[in-house]
Amino acid sequence: MLESLGVVYYSYAVAREQSLSAEDRLRLHQDQSGPVIEQLHAWLEAQFAEKKTEPKSGLGKAITYLLRTGKG
């Protein structure tokens, strides 16, 4: 999971470094980060579906927050 987040942050760094326009940043994010975010979302959902994480644990609360806010 941490490696996946690294890919997302890397694409943001590339966009900043290249001073991309808003449209180009969006395109880069969709191309590079989009699939990673989809995998991350599936992983988050699987933690509860496969009973790997207790919903009331610290990690469970963080997962619930991410799923509820659409950030994961």
Protein backbone atom coordinates (compact mmCIF):
# COMPACT_ATOMS: atom_id res chain seq x y z
CA MET A 1 0.00 0.00 0.00
CA LEU A 2 2.79 2.44 0.84
CA GLU A 3 4.46 1.79 -2.51
CA SER A 4 1.16 2.59 -4.21
CA LEU A 5 0.94 5.90 -2.40
CA GLY A 6 4.51 6.60 -3.48
CA VAL A 7 3.42 6.31 -7.12
CA VAL A 8 0.63 8.82 -6.53
CA TYR A 9 2.92 11.32 -4.80
CA TYR A 10 5.54 10.85 -7.52
CA SER A 11 3.05 11.82 -10.22
CA TYR A 12 2.19 14.97 -8.23
CA ALA A 13 5.90 15.80 -7.92
CA VAL A 14 6.39 15.34 -11.67
CA ALA A 15 3.45 17.63 -12.39
CA ARG A 16 4.88 20.31 -10.10
CA GLU A 17 8.38 19.95 -11.46
CA GLN A 18 7.18 20.32 -15.04
CA SER A 19 4.80 23.20 -14.18
CA LEU A 20 1.96 21.45 -15.99
CA SER A 21 -1.34 23.16 -16.66
CA ALA A 22 -4.40 22.08 -14.70
CA GLU A 23 -5.60 20.00 -17.66
CA ASP A 24 -2.21 18.32 -18.08
CA ARG A 25 -1.98 17.63 -14.33
CA LEU A 26 -5.41 16.00 -14.42
CA ARG A 27 -4.45 13.89 -17.42
CA LEU A 28 -1.20 12.81 -15.74
CA HIS A 29 -3.05 11.98 -12.53
CA GLN A 30 -5.69 9.96 -14.39
CA ASP A 31 -3.08 8.07 -16.40
CA GLN A 32 -0.57 7.33 -13.66
CA SER A 33 -2.41 7.60 -10.36
CA GLY A 34 -5.91 6.55 -11.39
CA PRO A 35 -5.21 2.81 -11.61
CA VAL A 36 -3.24 2.94 -8.35
CA ILE A 37 -6.11 4.69 -6.56
CA GLU A 38 -8.54 2.06 -7.87
CA GLN A 39 -6.30 -0.71 -6.50
CA LEU A 40 -5.98 1.09 -3.19
CA HIS A 41 -9.76 1.44 -2.95
CA ALA A 42 -10.19 -2.29 -3.61
CA TRP A 43 -7.59 -3.07 -0.93
CA LEU A 44 -9.37 -0.83 1.57
CA GLU A 45 -12.71 -2.52 0.93
CA ALA A 46 -11.13 -5.98 1.13
CA GLN A 47 -9.81 -5.27 4.63
CA PHE A 48 -13.39 -5.32 5.94
CA ALA A 49 -14.88 -7.79 3.45
CA GLU A 50 -12.22 -10.41 4.23
CA LYS A 51 -12.28 -9.55 7.95
CA LYS A 52 -8.60 -8.62 7.95
CA THR A 53 -9.21 -5.43 9.92
CA GLU A 54 -11.62 -4.70 12.74
CA PRO A 55 -13.77 -1.66 11.88
CA LYS A 56 -13.33 -0.13 15.35
CA SER A 57 -9.54 -0.50 15.39
CA GLY A 58 -7.30 2.46 14.57
CA LEU A 59 -6.68 1.15 11.07
CA GLY A 60 -10.36 0.32 10.68
CA LYS A 61 -11.34 3.87 11.56
CA ALA A 62 -8.81 5.25 9.09
CA ILE A 63 -10.13 2.93 6.35
CA THR A 64 -13.71 3.95 7.13
CA TYR A 65 -12.73 7.61 6.89
CA LEU A 66 -10.99 7.11 3.53
CA LEU A 67 -13.87 5.13 2.08
CA ARG A 68 -16.45 7.62 3.34
CA THR A 69 -14.61 10.66 2.00
CA GLY A 70 -13.80 9.09 -1.35
CA LYS A 71 -10.07 9.56 -0.89
CA GLY A 72 -9.23 5.92 -1.14
